[in-house]
């Protein structure tokens, strides 16, 4: 089906009403359930087996066919109409199919009754055929990842794959790296991957990323040079004055926003989610660079901050501000009140 129609302008709805389409039986049942419950599938939820069997009974009617031929494909007949139960007759797996449980003489007797206009026995067997094919779909749905109609981590197949990774799903923290394993196979990060990682792990929107921002780096004690003790030391080349040097590749700068005021309080140093933010930054930089974070919060969300009137601790430049635009002398924390947004900036030292 996919190889024949994936490049054309056909939609699934038109293909369901077109004759001669080579449907896969199990995938067709999944598509019919999805089409009948389109509103619910926008936000997939876990449904139990009994509820799924009830949906199949109400939305898909599995029919019987006494024909003895072997047409191509897996579906003999499909009658699809929106907002109506769909009639579906499969070729294999049914009660009186060539590979079904009923013996051939019994099927021949049913053909004779049908030719005489007696359909009571066939309709009676149709009740068991409906249940048989519904259970067939249910069993394959639990075993085949291609039939998943919920979030992967909430499905039975997803639970089995998570178990192979050491996650039994009971009282364990959410592991975002596991869900993004394909993106994190290579430690080198591109801008789209960083956007996706921040949005998936922390729910943050990355506005801009600036690279190669310089900064002062403190020289390690073992790298000090002393006059008269080292040879071939050229000032400004392989020896410097003081205890710091300028590194043009010291850090990157992530500009994030808009961030709600309660969320901003969680992300700044001292907030409950700050360590999670640091862990994500270490993943992004691979511990090779520091990172400056700038969070933008709408001014209208800033509460009336007064000393002694807030239950939570207040940090000047992070969760408390002077009534004028002011830049602290410290390079560690910065903020700006210019414009319609408050900018809160701080450094995450993630380099080793």
C-alpha atoms as a PDB file:
ATOM      1  CA  UNK A   1       0.000   0.000   0.000  1.00  0.00           C
ATOM      2  CA  UNK A   2       2.652   2.493   0.973  1.00  0.00           C
ATOM      3  CA  UNK A   3       4.894   1.788  -2.012  1.00  0.00           C
ATOM      4  CA  UNK A   4       2.000   2.266  -4.455  1.00  0.00           C
ATOM      5  CA  UNK A   5       0.408   5.428  -3.057  1.00  0.00           C
ATOM      6  CA  UNK A   6       2.890   7.321  -0.922  1.00  0.00           C
ATOM      7  CA  UNK A   7       4.011   9.689  -3.726  1.00  0.00           C
ATOM      8  CA  UNK A   8       0.529  10.456  -5.054  1.00  0.00           C
ATOM      9  CA  UNK A   9      -2.078  12.972  -3.966  1.00  0.00           C
ATOM     10  CA  UNK A  10      -4.388  10.320  -2.509  1.00  0.00           C
ATOM     11  CA  UNK A  11      -5.559  10.701   1.067  1.00  0.00           C
ATOM     12  CA  UNK A  12      -6.383   7.808   3.373  1.00  0.00           C
ATOM     13  CA  UNK A  13     -10.064   8.772   3.236  1.00  0.00           C
ATOM     14  CA  UNK A  14     -10.183   8.538  -0.575  1.00  0.00           C
ATOM     15  CA  UNK A  15      -8.256   5.259  -0.598  1.00  0.00           C
ATOM     16  CA  UNK A  16     -10.721   3.749   1.870  1.00  0.00           C
ATOM     17  CA  UNK A  17     -13.492   4.450  -0.649  1.00  0.00           C
ATOM     18  CA  UNK A  18     -11.514   3.296  -3.700  1.00  0.00           C
ATOM     19  CA  UNK A  19     -11.715  -0.284  -5.025  1.00  0.00           C
ATOM     20  CA  UNK A  20      -8.660  -2.386  -5.755  1.00  0.00           C
ATOM     21  CA  UNK A  21      -6.390  -1.013  -3.020  1.00  0.00           C
ATOM     22  CA  UNK A  22      -4.088  -3.704  -1.633  1.00  0.00           C
ATOM     23  CA  UNK A  23      -4.675  -3.194   2.075  1.00  0.00           C
ATOM     24  CA  UNK A  24      -2.851  -4.928   4.881  1.00  0.00           C
ATOM     25  CA  UNK A  25      -5.602  -6.259   7.144  1.00  0.00           C
ATOM     26  CA  UNK A  26      -4.117  -5.286  10.518  1.00  0.00           C
ATOM     27  CA  UNK A  27      -3.007  -1.835   9.357  1.00  0.00           C
ATOM     28  CA  UNK A  28      -6.423  -1.255   7.803  1.00  0.00           C
ATOM     29  CA  UNK A  29      -8.162  -2.001  11.112  1.00  0.00           C
ATOM     30  CA  UNK A  30      -5.810   0.431  12.865  1.00  0.00           C
ATOM     31  CA  UNK A  31      -6.586   3.155  10.298  1.00  0.00           C
ATOM     32  CA  UNK A  32     -10.335   2.582  10.660  1.00  0.00           C
ATOM     33  CA  UNK A  33     -10.135   2.916  14.440  1.00  0.00           C
ATOM     34  CA  UNK A  34      -8.007   6.051  14.104  1.00  0.00           C
ATOM     35  CA  UNK A  35     -10.454   7.612  11.629  1.00  0.00           C
ATOM     36  CA  UNK A  36     -13.449   6.798  13.836  1.00  0.00           C
ATOM     37  CA  UNK A  37     -11.775   8.267  16.943  1.00  0.00           C
ATOM     38  CA  UNK A  38      -9.859  11.150  15.363  1.00  0.00           C
ATOM     39  CA  UNK A  39     -10.602  13.565  18.211  1.00  0.00           C
ATOM     40  CA  UNK A  40      -9.205  11.211  20.832  1.00  0.00           C
ATOM     41  CA  UNK A  41      -6.082  10.339  18.842  1.00  0.00           C
ATOM     42  CA  UNK A  42      -4.952  13.969  18.885  1.00  0.00           C
ATOM     43  CA  UNK A  43      -4.009  13.235  22.516  1.00  0.00           C
ATOM     44  CA  UNK A  44      -3.424   9.464  22.660  1.00  0.00           C
ATOM     45  CA  UNK A  45      -4.516   7.779  25.861  1.00  0.00           C
ATOM     46  CA  UNK A  46      -4.177   4.233  27.093  1.00  0.00           C
ATOM     47  CA  UNK A  47      -7.336   2.122  26.740  1.00  0.00           C
ATOM     48  CA  UNK A  48      -7.767  -1.366  28.151  1.00  0.00           C
ATOM     49  CA  UNK A  49      -8.422  -4.466  26.081  1.00  0.00           C
ATOM     50  CA  UNK A  50     -12.123  -4.627  26.892  1.00  0.00           C
ATOM     51  CA  UNK A  51     -12.683  -1.030  25.791  1.00  0.00           C
ATOM     52  CA  UNK A  52     -10.813  -1.693  22.540  1.00  0.00           C
ATOM     53  CA  UNK A  53     -12.945  -4.787  21.835  1.00  0.00           C
ATOM     54  CA  UNK A  54     -16.050  -2.683  22.409  1.00  0.00           C
ATOM     55  CA  UNK A  55     -14.799  -0.091  19.914  1.00  0.00           C
ATOM     56  CA  UNK A  56     -14.129  -2.777  17.329  1.00  0.00           C
ATOM     57  CA  UNK A  57     -17.645  -4.154  17.785  1.00  0.00           C
ATOM     58  CA  UNK A  58     -19.225  -0.723  17.321  1.00  0.00           C
ATOM     59  CA  UNK A  59     -17.032   0.641  14.530  1.00  0.00           C
ATOM     60  CA  UNK A  60     -15.849  -2.330  12.428  1.00  0.00           C
ATOM     61  CA  UNK A  61     -18.060  -5.216  11.298  1.00  0.00           C
ATOM     62  CA  UNK A  62     -16.059  -8.251  10.177  1.00  0.00           C
ATOM     63  CA  UNK A  63     -18.054 -10.089   7.536  1.00  0.00           C
ATOM     64  CA  UNK A  64     -18.014 -13.674   6.230  1.00  0.00           C
ATOM     65  CA  UNK A  65     -17.549 -14.756   2.633  1.00  0.00           C
ATOM     66  CA  UNK A  66     -18.342 -18.166   1.158  1.00  0.00           C
ATOM     67  CA  UNK A  67     -16.297 -17.518  -1.984  1.00  0.00           C
ATOM     68  CA  UNK A  68     -13.638 -20.138  -2.666  1.00  0.00           C
ATOM     69  CA  UNK A  69     -11.321 -18.000  -4.791  1.00  0.00           C
ATOM     70  CA  UNK A  70      -8.017 -16.424  -3.690  1.00  0.00           C
ATOM     71  CA  UNK A  71      -7.946 -12.749  -4.719  1.00  0.00           C
ATOM     72  CA  UNK A  72      -4.728 -10.764  -4.215  1.00  0.00           C
ATOM     73  CA  UNK A  73      -4.151  -8.919  -0.987  1.00  0.00           C
ATOM     74  CA  UNK A  74      -5.587  -9.541   2.464  1.00  0.00           C
ATOM     75  CA  UNK A  75      -8.979  -7.796   2.172  1.00  0.00           C
ATOM     76  CA  UNK A  76     -11.793  -9.159   0.013  1.00  0.00           C
ATOM     77  CA  UNK A  77     -14.360  -6.409   0.549  1.00  0.00           C
ATOM     78  CA  UNK A  78     -14.374  -2.984   2.213  1.00  0.00           C
ATOM     79  CA  UNK A  79     -17.403  -0.731   2.619  1.00  0.00           C
ATOM     80  CA  UNK A  80     -16.323   2.507   4.315  1.00  0.00           C
ATOM     81  CA  UNK A  81     -18.607   5.430   5.114  1.00  0.00           C
ATOM     82  CA  UNK A  82     -17.791   8.208   7.547  1.00  0.00           C
ATOM     83  CA  UNK A  83     -19.651   8.126  10.867  1.00  0.00           C
ATOM     84  CA  UNK A  84     -20.949   4.634  10.061  1.00  0.00           C
ATOM     85  CA  UNK A  85     -19.682   1.158  11.032  1.00  0.00           C
ATOM     86  CA  UNK A  86     -17.310  -0.146   8.374  1.00  0.00           C
ATOM     87  CA  UNK A  87     -17.945  -3.560   6.825  1.00  0.00           C
ATOM     88  CA  UNK A  88     -14.692  -5.439   6.307  1.00  0.00           C
ATOM     89  CA  UNK A  89     -14.301  -8.953   4.880  1.00  0.00           C
ATOM     90  CA  UNK A  90     -10.755 -10.355   5.191  1.00  0.00           C
ATOM     91  CA  UNK A  91      -9.418 -13.182   3.048  1.00  0.00           C
ATOM     92  CA  UNK A  92      -7.502 -15.013   5.758  1.00  0.00           C
ATOM     93  CA  UNK A  93      -7.939 -15.566   9.485  1.00  0.00           C
ATOM     94  CA  UNK A  94     -11.744 -15.702   9.540  1.00  0.00           C
ATOM     95  CA  UNK A  95     -13.959 -18.463  10.853  1.00  0.00           C
ATOM     96  CA  UNK A  96     -14.736 -19.964   7.429  1.00  0.00           C
ATOM     97  CA  UNK A  97     -11.602 -18.741   5.641  1.00  0.00           C
ATOM     98  CA  UNK A  98      -9.377 -21.313   3.872  1.00  0.00           C
ATOM     99  CA  UNK A  99      -7.076 -21.242   6.914  1.00  0.00           C
ATOM    100  CA  UNK A 100      -9.970 -21.068   9.390  1.00  0.00           C
ATOM    101  CA  UNK A 101     -10.951 -23.647  12.030  1.00  0.00           C
ATOM    102  CA  UNK A 102     -14.091 -24.999  10.325  1.00  0.00           C
ATOM    103  CA  UNK A 103     -13.671 -28.086   8.104  1.00  0.00           C
ATOM    104  CA  UNK A 104     -14.318 -27.861   4.371  1.00  0.00           C
ATOM    105  CA  UNK A 105     -17.444 -30.120   4.390  1.00  0.00           C
ATOM    106  CA  UNK A 106     -19.080 -27.781   6.904  1.00  0.00           C
ATOM    107  CA  UNK A 107     -18.269 -24.779   4.704  1.00  0.00           C
ATOM    108  CA  UNK A 108     -19.756 -26.593   1.680  1.00  0.00           C
ATOM    109  CA  UNK A 109     -22.932 -27.174   3.685  1.00  0.00           C
ATOM    110  CA  UNK A 110     -23.076 -23.441   4.459  1.00  0.00           C
ATOM    111  CA  UNK A 111     -22.785 -22.698   0.722  1.00  0.00           C
ATOM    112  CA  UNK A 112     -25.715 -25.001   0.015  1.00  0.00           C
ATOM    113  CA  UNK A 113     -27.809 -23.282   2.682  1.00  0.00           C
ATOM    114  CA  UNK A 114     -26.898 -19.870   1.245  1.00  0.00           C
ATOM    115  CA  UNK A 115     -27.958 -20.962  -2.255  1.00  0.00           C
ATOM    116  CA  UNK A 116     -31.318 -22.006  -0.779  1.00  0.00           C
ATOM    117  CA  UNK A 117     -31.695 -18.570   0.833  1.00  0.00           C
ATOM    118  CA  UNK A 118     -31.153 -19.769   4.396  1.00  0.00           C
ATOM    119  CA  UNK A 119     -28.763 -17.311   6.088  1.00  0.00           C
ATOM    120  CA  UNK A 120     -29.536 -17.989   9.755  1.00  0.00           C
ATOM    121  CA  UNK A 121     -26.548 -20.284  10.363  1.00  0.00           C
ATOM    122  CA  UNK A 122     -24.201 -17.894   8.538  1.00  0.00           C
ATOM    123  CA  UNK A 123     -25.417 -14.962  10.631  1.00  0.00           C
ATOM    124  CA  UNK A 124     -25.008 -17.025  13.810  1.00  0.00           C
ATOM    125  CA  UNK A 125     -21.407 -17.863  12.911  1.00  0.00           C
ATOM    126  CA  UNK A 126     -20.832 -14.190  12.150  1.00  0.00           C
ATOM    127  CA  UNK A 127     -21.044 -13.429  15.889  1.00  0.00           C
ATOM    128  CA  UNK A 128     -18.111 -15.761  16.578  1.00  0.00           C
ATOM    129  CA  UNK A 129     -16.233 -14.502  13.519  1.00  0.00           C
ATOM    130  CA  UNK A 130     -16.481 -10.920  14.822  1.00  0.00           C
ATOM    131  CA  UNK A 131     -14.970 -11.921  18.144  1.00  0.00           C
ATOM    132  CA  UNK A 132     -12.274 -14.074  16.542  1.00  0.00           C
ATOM    133  CA  UNK A 133     -10.958 -11.325  14.252  1.00  0.00           C
ATOM    134  CA  UNK A 134     -11.209  -8.687  16.980  1.00  0.00           C
ATOM    135  CA  UNK A 135      -9.075 -10.862  19.262  1.00  0.00           C
ATOM    136  CA  UNK A 136      -6.651 -11.471  16.391  1.00  0.00           C
ATOM    137  CA  UNK A 137      -6.135  -7.725  16.032  1.00  0.00           C
ATOM    138  CA  UNK A 138      -5.841  -7.305  19.797  1.00  0.00           C
ATOM    139  CA  UNK A 139      -3.105  -9.958  20.072  1.00  0.00           C
ATOM    140  CA  UNK A 140      -1.107  -8.502  17.173  1.00  0.00           C
ATOM    141  CA  UNK A 141      -1.541  -4.977  18.535  1.00  0.00           C
ATOM    142  CA  UNK A 142       0.191  -5.967  21.771  1.00  0.00           C
ATOM    143  CA  UNK A 143       3.083  -7.621  19.947  1.00  0.00           C
ATOM    144  CA  UNK A 144       3.717  -5.381  16.941  1.00  0.00           C
ATOM    145  CA  UNK A 145       5.121  -1.840  17.409  1.00  0.00           C
ATOM    146  CA  UNK A 146       3.675  -0.845  14.004  1.00  0.00           C
ATOM    147  CA  UNK A 147       0.143  -1.137  15.417  1.00  0.00           C
ATOM    148  CA  UNK A 148       0.707   1.173  18.382  1.00  0.00           C
ATOM    149  CA  UNK A 149      -2.154   3.668  18.703  1.00  0.00           C
ATOM    150  CA  UNK A 150      -0.992   5.337  21.945  1.00  0.00           C
ATOM    151  CA  UNK A 151       2.188   7.038  23.109  1.00  0.00           C
ATOM    152  CA  UNK A 152       5.017   4.574  22.582  1.00  0.00           C
ATOM    153  CA  UNK A 153       6.154   4.633  26.210  1.00  0.00           C
ATOM    154  CA  UNK A 154       2.613   3.772  27.354  1.00  0.00           C
ATOM    155  CA  UNK A 155       2.173   0.757  25.081  1.00  0.00           C
ATOM    156  CA  UNK A 156       2.957  -2.860  25.857  1.00  0.00           C
ATOM    157  CA  UNK A 157       5.627  -2.981  23.131  1.00  0.00           C
ATOM    158  CA  UNK A 158       7.173   0.210  24.470  1.00  0.00           C
ATOM    159  CA  UNK A 159       7.244  -1.234  27.993  1.00  0.00           C
ATOM    160  CA  UNK A 160       9.134  -4.290  26.721  1.00  0.00           C
ATOM    161  CA  UNK A 161      11.696  -2.119  24.919  1.00  0.00           C
ATOM    162  CA  UNK A 162      12.119   0.064  28.007  1.00  0.00           C
ATOM    163  CA  UNK A 163      12.672  -3.064  30.100  1.00  0.00           C
ATOM    164  CA  UNK A 164      15.577  -4.016  27.828  1.00  0.00           C
ATOM    165  CA  UNK A 165      17.083  -0.609  28.642  1.00  0.00           C
ATOM    166  CA  UNK A 166      16.772  -1.164  32.388  1.00  0.00           C
ATOM    167  CA  UNK A 167      13.496   0.723  32.929  1.00  0.00           C
ATOM    168  CA  UNK A 168      10.706  -1.287  34.493  1.00  0.00           C
ATOM    169  CA  UNK A 169       8.356   1.708  34.578  1.00  0.00           C
ATOM    170  CA  UNK A 170       7.683   1.555  38.324  1.00  0.00           C
ATOM    171  CA  UNK A 171       8.574   4.574  40.483  1.00  0.00           C
ATOM    172  CA  UNK A 172      11.369   5.711  38.163  1.00  0.00           C
ATOM    173  CA  UNK A 173      12.173   9.229  37.069  1.00  0.00           C
ATOM    174  CA  UNK A 174      11.531  10.146  33.454  1.00  0.00           C
ATOM    175  CA  UNK A 175      14.648   9.585  31.358  1.00  0.00           C
ATOM    176  CA  UNK A 176      14.554  12.137  28.556  1.00  0.00           C
ATOM    177  CA  UNK A 177      17.856  10.898  27.126  1.00  0.00           C
ATOM    178  CA  UNK A 178      16.269   7.531  26.387  1.00  0.00           C
ATOM    179  CA  UNK A 179      13.515   9.125  24.296  1.00  0.00           C
ATOM    180  CA  UNK A 180      16.115  11.201  22.420  1.00  0.00           C
ATOM    181  CA  UNK A 181      18.662   8.408  22.025  1.00  0.00           C
ATOM    182  CA  UNK A 182      18.694   8.740  18.247  1.00  0.00           C
ATOM    183  CA  UNK A 183      19.527  12.454  18.442  1.00  0.00           C
ATOM    184  CA  UNK A 184      22.203  12.000  21.106  1.00  0.00           C
ATOM    185  CA  UNK A 185      24.167   9.216  19.398  1.00  0.00           C
ATOM    186  CA  UNK A 186      26.677  11.876  18.319  1.00  0.00           C
ATOM    187  CA  UNK A 187      27.790  14.359  20.977  1.00  0.00           C
ATOM    188  CA  UNK A 188      28.141  17.149  18.387  1.00  0.00           C
ATOM    189  CA  UNK A 189      25.058  19.351  18.588  1.00  0.00           C
ATOM    190  CA  UNK A 190      23.318  21.261  15.822  1.00  0.00           C
ATOM    191  CA  UNK A 191      20.922  24.139  16.439  1.00  0.00           C
ATOM    192  CA  UNK A 192      17.750  22.099  15.640  1.00  0.00           C
ATOM    193  CA  UNK A 193      18.822  19.362  18.068  1.00  0.00           C
ATOM    194  CA  UNK A 194      19.481  21.922  20.816  1.00  0.00           C
ATOM    195  CA  UNK A 195      16.045  23.466  20.236  1.00  0.00           C
ATOM    196  CA  UNK A 196      14.435  20.026  20.406  1.00  0.00           C
ATOM    197  CA  UNK A 197      16.378  18.997  23.508  1.00  0.00           C
ATOM    198  CA  UNK A 198      15.465  22.146  25.464  1.00  0.00           C
ATOM    199  CA  UNK A 199      11.817  21.915  24.436  1.00  0.00           C
ATOM    200  CA  UNK A 200      11.541  18.208  25.212  1.00  0.00           C
ATOM    201  CA  UNK A 201      13.452  18.147  28.495  1.00  0.00           C
ATOM    202  CA  UNK A 202      12.479  21.497  30.034  1.00  0.00           C
ATOM    203  CA  UNK A 203       9.680  22.896  27.890  1.00  0.00           C
ATOM    204  CA  UNK A 204      11.802  25.929  26.917  1.00  0.00           C
ATOM    205  CA  UNK A 205      11.771  27.809  23.629  1.00  0.00           C
ATOM    206  CA  UNK A 206      15.203  28.736  22.271  1.00  0.00           C
ATOM    207  CA  UNK A 207      15.176  32.103  20.506  1.00  0.00           C
ATOM    208  CA  UNK A 208      18.820  32.411  19.564  1.00  0.00           C
ATOM    209  CA  UNK A 209      22.176  30.768  20.156  1.00  0.00           C
ATOM    210  CA  UNK A 210      25.411  32.765  20.052  1.00  0.00           C
ATOM    211  CA  UNK A 211      28.697  30.910  19.849  1.00  0.00           C
ATOM    212  CA  UNK A 212      32.330  31.824  20.522  1.00  0.00           C
ATOM    213  CA  UNK A 213      31.736  34.333  23.303  1.00  0.00           C
ATOM    214  CA  UNK A 214      34.998  35.172  25.010  1.00  0.00           C
ATOM    215  CA  UNK A 215      35.780  35.328  28.690  1.00  0.00           C
ATOM    216  CA  UNK A 216      38.557  35.321  31.264  1.00  0.00           C
ATOM    217  CA  UNK A 217      39.938  31.940  32.278  1.00  0.00           C
ATOM    218  CA  UNK A 218      41.925  31.447  35.479  1.00  0.00           C
ATOM    219  CA  UNK A 219      45.316  29.825  34.920  1.00  0.00           C
ATOM    220  CA  UNK A 220      45.874  26.589  36.779  1.00  0.00           C
ATOM    221  CA  UNK A 221      48.621  26.645  39.395  1.00  0.00           C
ATOM    222  CA  UNK A 222      50.610  24.019  37.508  1.00  0.00           C
ATOM    223  CA  UNK A 223      50.737  26.274  34.423  1.00  0.00           C
ATOM    224  CA  UNK A 224      52.308  29.304  36.125  1.00  0.00           C
ATOM    225  CA  UNK A 225      55.547  30.639  34.629  1.00  0.00           C
ATOM    226  CA  UNK A 226      58.133  32.378  36.814  1.00  0.00           C
ATOM    227  CA  UNK A 227      60.904  34.689  35.645  1.00  0.00           C
ATOM    228  CA  UNK A 228      64.249  32.950  35.681  1.00  0.00           C
ATOM    229  CA  UNK A 229      62.802  29.455  36.168  1.00  0.00           C
ATOM    230  CA  UNK A 230      61.614  28.642  32.631  1.00  0.00           C
ATOM    231  CA  UNK A 231      63.570  29.046  29.428  1.00  0.00           C
ATOM    232  CA  UNK A 232      62.320  30.473  26.144  1.00  0.00           C
ATOM    233  CA  UNK A 233      59.408  32.257  27.820  1.00  0.00           C
ATOM    234  CA  UNK A 234      58.208  35.076  25.571  1.00  0.00           C
ATOM    235  CA  UNK A 235      55.804  37.541  27.160  1.00  0.00           C
ATOM    236  CA  UNK A 236      52.543  37.598  25.254  1.00  0.00           C
ATOM    237  CA  UNK A 237      53.329  34.374  23.397  1.00  0.00           C
ATOM    238  CA  UNK A 238      53.823  31.489  25.807  1.00  0.00           C
ATOM    239  CA  UNK A 239      53.802  33.463  29.044  1.00  0.00           C
ATOM    240  CA  UNK A 240      51.436  36.101  30.395  1.00  0.00           C
ATOM    241  CA  UNK A 241      51.176  38.567  33.255  1.00  0.00           C
ATOM    242  CA  UNK A 242      48.648  37.876  35.960  1.00  0.00           C
ATOM    243  CA  UNK A 243      46.549  34.867  36.798  1.00  0.00           C
ATOM    244  CA  UNK A 244      43.984  35.034  33.973  1.00  0.00           C
ATOM    245  CA  UNK A 245      44.000  34.760  30.184  1.00  0.00           C
ATOM    246  CA  UNK A 246      41.364  35.667  27.619  1.00  0.00           C
ATOM    247  CA  UNK A 247      39.732  32.698  25.875  1.00  0.00           C
ATOM    248  CA  UNK A 248      37.664  33.608  22.830  1.00  0.00           C
ATOM    249  CA  UNK A 249      36.035  30.146  22.846  1.00  0.00           C
ATOM    250  CA  UNK A 250      35.099  30.162  26.507  1.00  0.00           C
ATOM    251  CA  UNK A 251      31.320  30.017  26.284  1.00  0.00           C
ATOM    252  CA  UNK A 252      28.158  29.965  24.238  1.00  0.00           C
ATOM    253  CA  UNK A 253      25.051  32.055  24.863  1.00  0.00           C
ATOM    254  CA  UNK A 254      21.503  30.649  24.821  1.00  0.00           C
ATOM    255  CA  UNK A 255      18.659  33.166  24.657  1.00  0.00           C
ATOM    256  CA  UNK A 256      15.418  31.573  25.867  1.00  0.00           C
ATOM    257  CA  UNK A 257      11.926  32.952  26.068  1.00  0.00           C
ATOM    258  CA  UNK A 258       9.251  33.757  26.771  1.00  0.00           C
ATOM    259  CA  UNK A 259       9.395  32.132  30.215  1.00  0.00           C
ATOM    260  CA  UNK A 260       6.608  32.488  32.753  1.00  0.00           C
ATOM    261  CA  UNK A 261       7.527  34.046  36.092  1.00  0.00           C
ATOM    262  CA  UNK A 262       6.920  30.859  38.158  1.00  0.00           C
ATOM    263  CA  UNK A 263       8.993  28.868  35.665  1.00  0.00           C
ATOM    264  CA  UNK A 264      11.796  31.444  35.760  1.00  0.00           C
ATOM    265  CA  UNK A 265      12.016  31.083  39.537  1.00  0.00           C
ATOM    266  CA  UNK A 266      12.498  27.334  39.092  1.00  0.00           C
ATOM    267  CA  UNK A 267      15.314  27.690  36.539  1.00  0.00           C
ATOM    268  CA  UNK A 268      17.549  30.352  38.101  1.00  0.00           C
ATOM    269  CA  UNK A 269      20.346  29.327  40.516  1.00  0.00           C
ATOM    270  CA  UNK A 270      18.730  28.072  43.697  1.00  0.00           C
ATOM    271  CA  UNK A 271      15.539  27.003  41.895  1.00  0.00           C
ATOM    272  CA  UNK A 272      14.247  23.465  42.049  1.00  0.00           C
ATOM    273  CA  UNK A 273      14.892  22.784  38.328  1.00  0.00           C
ATOM    274  CA  UNK A 274      18.253  24.558  38.070  1.00  0.00           C
ATOM    275  CA  UNK A 275      20.268  21.343  38.378  1.00  0.00           C
ATOM    276  CA  UNK A 276      18.217  19.768  35.604  1.00  0.00           C
ATOM    277  CA  UNK A 277      19.001  22.803  33.436  1.00  0.00           C
ATOM    278  CA  UNK A 278      22.706  22.421  34.248  1.00  0.00           C
ATOM    279  CA  UNK A 279      22.562  18.743  33.255  1.00  0.00           C
ATOM    280  CA  UNK A 280      20.992  19.643  29.894  1.00  0.00           C
ATOM    281  CA  UNK A 281      23.642  22.328  29.292  1.00  0.00           C
ATOM    282  CA  UNK A 282      26.386  19.814  30.056  1.00  0.00           C
ATOM    283  CA  UNK A 283      24.812  17.498  27.504  1.00  0.00           C
ATOM    284  CA  UNK A 284      24.723  20.292  24.919  1.00  0.00           C
ATOM    285  CA  UNK A 285      28.304  21.505  25.461  1.00  0.00           C
ATOM    286  CA  UNK A 286      29.754  18.057  26.192  1.00  0.00           C
ATOM    287  CA  UNK A 287      31.487  19.809  29.132  1.00  0.00           C
ATOM    288  CA  UNK A 288      33.803  21.682  26.733  1.00  0.00           C
ATOM    289  CA  UNK A 289      32.356  25.188  27.134  1.00  0.00           C
ATOM    290  CA  UNK A 290      30.602  27.326  29.687  1.00  0.00           C
ATOM    291  CA  UNK A 291      27.160  28.619  28.827  1.00  0.00           C
ATOM    292  CA  UNK A 292      25.419  31.911  29.536  1.00  0.00           C
ATOM    293  CA  UNK A 293      21.664  31.577  29.889  1.00  0.00           C
ATOM    294  CA  UNK A 294      19.375  34.553  29.229  1.00  0.00           C
ATOM    295  CA  UNK A 295      15.754  34.075  30.258  1.00  0.00           C
ATOM    296  CA  UNK A 296      13.136  36.575  29.066  1.00  0.00           C
ATOM    297  CA  UNK A 297       9.961  37.003  31.128  1.00  0.00           C
ATOM    298  CA  UNK A 298       7.088  39.395  30.253  1.00  0.00           C
ATOM    299  CA  UNK A 299       7.084  42.439  32.531  1.00  0.00           C
ATOM    300  CA  UNK A 300       3.346  42.096  33.136  1.00  0.00           C
ATOM    301  CA  UNK A 301       3.971  38.810  34.956  1.00  0.00           C
ATOM    302  CA  UNK A 302       6.447  40.278  37.445  1.00  0.00           C
ATOM    303  CA  UNK A 303       4.686  40.601  40.820  1.00  0.00           C
ATOM    304  CA  UNK A 304       5.051  43.546  43.180  1.00  0.00           C
ATOM    305  CA  UNK A 305       8.374  42.599  44.756  1.00  0.00           C
ATOM    306  CA  UNK A 306       9.029  44.168  48.142  1.00  0.00           C
ATOM    307  CA  UNK A 307      11.532  43.153  50.754  1.00  0.00           C
ATOM    308  CA  UNK A 308       9.876  41.232  53.548  1.00  0.00           C
ATOM    309  CA  UNK A 309       6.634  40.668  51.622  1.00  0.00           C
ATOM    310  CA  UNK A 310       7.589  37.515  49.687  1.00  0.00           C
ATOM    311  CA  UNK A 311       7.488  34.001  51.120  1.00  0.00           C
ATOM    312  CA  UNK A 312      10.218  32.695  48.793  1.00  0.00           C
ATOM    313  CA  UNK A 313      13.838  33.896  49.057  1.00  0.00           C
ATOM    314  CA  UNK A 314      14.659  36.879  46.835  1.00  0.00           C
ATOM    315  CA  UNK A 315      17.930  37.212  44.904  1.00  0.00           C
ATOM    316  CA  UNK A 316      18.781  40.604  43.432  1.00  0.00           C
ATOM    317  CA  UNK A 317      19.142  40.296  39.670  1.00  0.00           C
ATOM    318  CA  UNK A 318      17.460  36.882  39.538  1.00  0.00           C
ATOM    319  CA  UNK A 319      14.121  36.994  41.348  1.00  0.00           C
ATOM    320  CA  UNK A 320      14.182  40.615  42.548  1.00  0.00           C
ATOM    321  CA  UNK A 321      15.001  43.836  40.694  1.00  0.00           C
ATOM    322  CA  UNK A 322      15.590  47.505  41.354  1.00  0.00           C
ATOM    323  CA  UNK A 323      12.991  49.845  39.823  1.00  0.00           C
ATOM    324  CA  UNK A 324      15.534  51.155  37.299  1.00  0.00           C
ATOM    325  CA  UNK A 325      17.615  49.452  34.640  1.00  0.00           C
ATOM    326  CA  UNK A 326      20.777  48.458  36.447  1.00  0.00           C
ATOM    327  CA  UNK A 327      23.746  46.308  35.544  1.00  0.00           C
ATOM    328  CA  UNK A 328      25.621  44.724  38.485  1.00  0.00           C
ATOM    329  CA  UNK A 329      29.375  44.884  38.448  1.00  0.00           C
ATOM    330  CA  UNK A 330      29.538  41.097  38.768  1.00  0.00           C
ATOM    331  CA  UNK A 331      29.655  39.220  35.477  1.00  0.00           C
ATOM    332  CA  UNK A 332      27.994  36.163  37.022  1.00  0.00           C
ATOM    333  CA  UNK A 333      24.438  37.529  37.222  1.00  0.00           C
ATOM    334  CA  UNK A 334      22.908  40.215  35.008  1.00  0.00           C
ATOM    335  CA  UNK A 335      19.439  41.537  34.339  1.00  0.00           C
ATOM    336  CA  UNK A 336      17.779  44.230  32.242  1.00  0.00           C
ATOM    337  CA  UNK A 337      14.397  45.924  32.609  1.00  0.00           C
ATOM    338  CA  UNK A 338      14.420  47.548  29.168  1.00  0.00           C
ATOM    339  CA  UNK A 339      11.422  46.927  26.887  1.00  0.00           C
ATOM    340  CA  UNK A 340       8.384  44.745  27.560  1.00  0.00           C
ATOM    341  CA  UNK A 341      10.387  41.857  28.974  1.00  0.00           C
ATOM    342  CA  UNK A 342      12.705  41.276  31.902  1.00  0.00           C
ATOM    343  CA  UNK A 343      15.986  39.626  30.977  1.00  0.00           C
ATOM    344  CA  UNK A 344      17.635  37.471  33.629  1.00  0.00           C
ATOM    345  CA  UNK A 345      21.089  36.207  32.704  1.00  0.00           C
ATOM    346  CA  UNK A 346      23.437  33.873  34.538  1.00  0.00           C
ATOM    347  CA  UNK A 347      26.445  31.707  33.741  1.00  0.00           C
ATOM    348  CA  UNK A 348      26.492  27.907  33.876  1.00  0.00           C
ATOM    349  CA  UNK A 349      30.066  26.671  34.305  1.00  0.00           C
ATOM    350  CA  UNK A 350      29.849  23.364  32.473  1.00  0.00           C
ATOM    351  CA  UNK A 351      33.405  23.092  31.116  1.00  0.00           C
ATOM    352  CA  UNK A 352      35.802  20.708  32.814  1.00  0.00           C
END
